[in-house]
Protein backbone atom coordinates (compact mmCIF):
# COMPACT_ATOMS: atom_id res chain seq x y z
CA MET A 1 61.45 117.37 174.43
CA THR A 2 59.69 119.73 172.04
CA ARG A 3 63.04 121.30 171.29
CA ASN A 4 64.57 117.88 170.46
CA LEU A 5 61.68 117.08 168.12
CA SER A 6 62.11 120.45 166.41
CA LEU A 7 65.85 119.83 165.92
CA LEU A 8 65.13 116.35 164.61
CA ALA A 9 62.53 117.66 162.15
CA LEU A 10 64.94 120.41 161.03
CA ALA A 11 67.75 117.87 160.47
CA ALA A 12 65.44 115.53 158.56
CA GLY A 13 64.22 118.44 156.43
CA LEU A 14 67.81 119.46 155.62
CA ILE A 15 68.79 115.91 154.67
CA ILE A 16 65.72 115.47 152.45
CA GLY A 17 66.25 118.91 150.87
CA ILE A 18 69.92 118.26 150.09
CA ASN A 19 69.10 114.84 148.58
CA LEU A 20 66.35 116.34 146.41
CA PHE A 21 68.64 119.15 145.25
CA PHE A 22 71.38 116.81 144.09
CA ALA A 23 69.00 114.18 142.72
CA CYS A 24 67.39 116.75 140.40
CA THR A 25 70.56 117.86 138.65
CA LYS A 26 70.11 118.18 134.92
CA VAL A 27 71.31 115.24 132.82
CA GLU A 28 73.20 116.37 129.72
CA THR A 29 71.92 114.98 126.44
CA ASP A 30 73.52 114.98 123.04
CA ASP A 31 71.15 114.96 120.09
CA ALA A 32 73.79 116.00 117.53
CA PRO A 33 74.66 113.14 115.17
CA PRO A 34 78.31 112.34 114.46
CA GLY A 35 79.88 113.30 111.15
CA ILE A 36 81.44 111.01 108.56
CA LYS A 37 83.00 111.79 105.22
CA ILE A 38 84.50 109.16 102.93
CA LEU A 39 87.80 110.52 101.64
CA MET A 40 88.83 107.55 99.52
CA PRO A 41 87.68 105.82 97.35
CA LEU A 42 85.37 108.19 95.55
CA ASN A 43 82.12 107.23 93.84
CA ASN A 44 82.77 105.09 90.71
CA ASP A 45 86.49 104.62 91.48
CA THR A 46 88.15 101.40 90.29
CA LEU A 47 89.58 99.21 93.03
CA PHE A 48 92.03 96.42 92.30
CA ILE A 49 91.82 93.13 94.18
CA TYR A 50 95.17 91.37 94.17
CA THR A 51 94.29 87.68 93.91
CA ASP A 52 97.56 86.51 95.46
CA THR A 53 97.21 88.67 98.61
CA ASP A 54 93.39 89.12 98.93
CA THR A 55 93.92 92.87 99.34
CA ILE A 56 92.00 95.64 97.65
CA LEU A 57 93.70 98.90 96.81
CA PRO A 58 93.52 101.89 97.12
CA ILE A 59 93.43 102.17 100.90
CA PHE A 60 90.10 103.23 102.34
CA SER A 61 89.99 106.41 104.42
CA ALA A 62 87.30 108.46 106.11
CA SER A 63 87.05 111.45 108.40
CA LEU A 64 84.95 110.93 111.56
CA SER A 65 83.88 113.59 114.07
CA ASP A 66 81.49 114.28 116.96
CA ASN A 67 80.96 117.14 119.40
CA GLU A 68 81.06 114.86 122.49
CA GLY A 69 82.99 111.76 121.44
CA LEU A 70 82.87 108.88 118.97
CA SER A 71 82.05 105.29 119.87
CA SER A 72 82.39 103.02 116.81
CA TYR A 73 82.32 102.90 113.03
CA LYS A 74 81.54 100.27 110.41
CA PHE A 75 82.24 99.93 106.70
CA ARG A 76 80.61 97.32 104.54
CA ILE A 77 81.35 96.35 100.98
CA ARG A 78 78.88 94.24 98.99
CA HIS A 79 78.36 93.48 95.35
CA LEU A 80 75.46 94.63 93.19
CA ARG A 81 74.44 91.28 91.74
CA ASP A 82 72.90 92.71 88.58
CA SER A 83 76.26 94.17 87.54
CA ILE A 84 78.25 90.97 87.87
CA LYS A 85 78.43 88.32 85.18
CA GLY A 86 78.35 84.77 86.53
CA ALA A 87 76.79 85.71 89.86
CA PRO A 88 74.23 83.30 91.29
CA GLY A 89 70.72 83.73 89.90
CA ASP A 90 69.20 84.27 93.34
CA THR A 91 69.21 87.97 94.18
CA THR A 92 69.23 87.24 97.93
CA ALA A 93 72.68 85.68 97.69
CA TYR A 94 75.27 88.42 97.96
CA PHE A 95 78.74 88.94 99.29
CA TYR A 96 79.42 91.44 102.03
CA LYS A 97 82.09 92.08 104.62
CA ASN A 98 82.10 94.43 107.63
CA TYR A 99 85.17 96.32 108.76
CA GLN A 100 86.23 98.02 111.97
CA ARG A 101 89.92 97.97 112.67
CA ALA A 102 90.71 100.98 114.88
CA SER A 103 89.41 101.96 118.30
CA ILE A 104 87.92 105.46 118.16
CA PHE A 105 86.09 105.48 121.51
CA GLY A 106 86.07 108.93 123.08
CA MET A 107 87.82 110.67 120.17
CA LYS A 108 86.20 113.84 118.82
CA ASP A 109 87.95 113.98 115.43
CA THR A 110 89.92 111.30 113.65
CA ILE A 111 90.84 110.02 110.21
CA ILE A 112 90.92 106.28 109.76
CA LYS A 113 92.85 104.54 107.00
CA HIS A 114 93.14 100.86 106.16
CA SER A 115 93.06 98.47 103.26
CA PHE A 116 90.18 96.14 102.51
CA GLU A 117 90.80 92.43 102.49
CA ILE A 118 88.40 90.18 100.62
CA ASP A 119 88.87 86.46 100.12
CA THR A 120 89.23 85.67 96.44
CA ILE A 121 87.15 82.51 96.97
CA ILE A 122 83.88 83.02 98.86
CA SER A 123 80.99 80.85 100.01
CA VAL A 124 77.59 81.84 98.65
CA THR A 125 74.35 80.44 100.06
CA ASP A 126 71.18 80.76 97.99
CA SER A 127 67.57 80.85 99.22
CA ASN A 128 67.41 77.02 99.10
CA SER A 129 70.32 76.83 101.59
CA ASN A 130 72.69 75.49 98.91
CA THR A 131 76.26 76.69 99.49
CA ARG A 132 78.81 77.00 96.71
CA ARG A 133 82.42 78.17 96.79
CA LEU A 134 82.96 80.69 94.01
CA PRO A 135 85.68 83.10 92.96
CA ILE A 136 85.12 86.74 93.82
CA TRP A 137 83.32 88.56 91.04
CA GLN A 138 84.57 91.57 89.17
CA GLY A 139 82.00 94.32 88.86
CA VAL A 140 80.22 97.08 90.71
CA TYR A 141 80.14 96.95 94.51
CA GLN A 142 78.55 99.25 97.04
CA LEU A 143 80.48 100.72 99.93
CA ASP A 144 78.41 101.72 102.98
CA ALA A 145 79.75 103.53 106.04
CA SER A 146 78.29 104.46 109.41
CA VAL A 147 79.50 105.97 112.68
CA VAL A 148 78.02 105.99 116.20
CA ASP A 149 78.77 108.51 118.95
CA MET A 150 78.96 107.84 122.72
CA HIS A 151 75.29 108.83 123.17
CA GLY A 152 74.07 106.32 120.57
CA ASN A 153 73.43 108.80 117.74
CA ILE A 154 74.20 107.24 114.37
CA THR A 155 75.04 108.64 110.95
CA ILE A 156 74.93 106.51 107.80
CA VAL A 157 76.41 107.91 104.61
CA ASP A 158 74.85 107.26 101.24
CA SER A 159 76.35 104.24 99.51
CA ILE A 160 78.98 104.83 96.88
CA ASN A 161 79.65 102.53 93.95
CA VAL A 162 83.11 101.16 93.25
CA VAL A 163 84.29 98.84 90.49
CA ILE A 164 86.41 95.87 91.53
CA VAL A 165 88.87 94.41 89.04
CA LYS A 166 90.93 91.28 89.76
CA THR A 167 94.64 91.33 89.02
CA LYS A 168 97.91 89.81 90.24
CA TYR A 169 100.34 91.82 92.34
CA ILE A 170 103.52 92.47 90.41
CA LYS A 171 106.56 93.57 92.40
CA LYS A 172 108.60 96.32 90.81
CA LYS A 173 112.27 95.44 90.43
């Protein structure tokens, strides 16, 4: 009987030891933030919004990278109210639009390219909750970009300024 108790204690000790060994494995962490570089447009570039197609050119592109893997990215374009004639007087009313078109989950390096689309007529709500439909304004806009990796690290690039000019698309014959 003493022998059976000894074998039982030895077996229990082995099971507990094996469980502790595997439960204490080191969890890998990633503290390195992802990288992002805006390739186009450059700071102070002029972008043309084609009023008949609601498309802004040139095409936006950025290089994204991470040592472990990327998760998502976001681009936002918004106007700088002080630079735009005819903008609402309330500085809290501003136009912005977020973009994410391509899936980058798990990629380590990628270049994304796409055009911006902005409605030529937008709804603007001021601080008194009054909404007006107004044409898109020409002027200086800010472009912000950010990227997140699979571990939740985020990188936000400094905003760049771009000038938006309205025009009609003319097909070359």
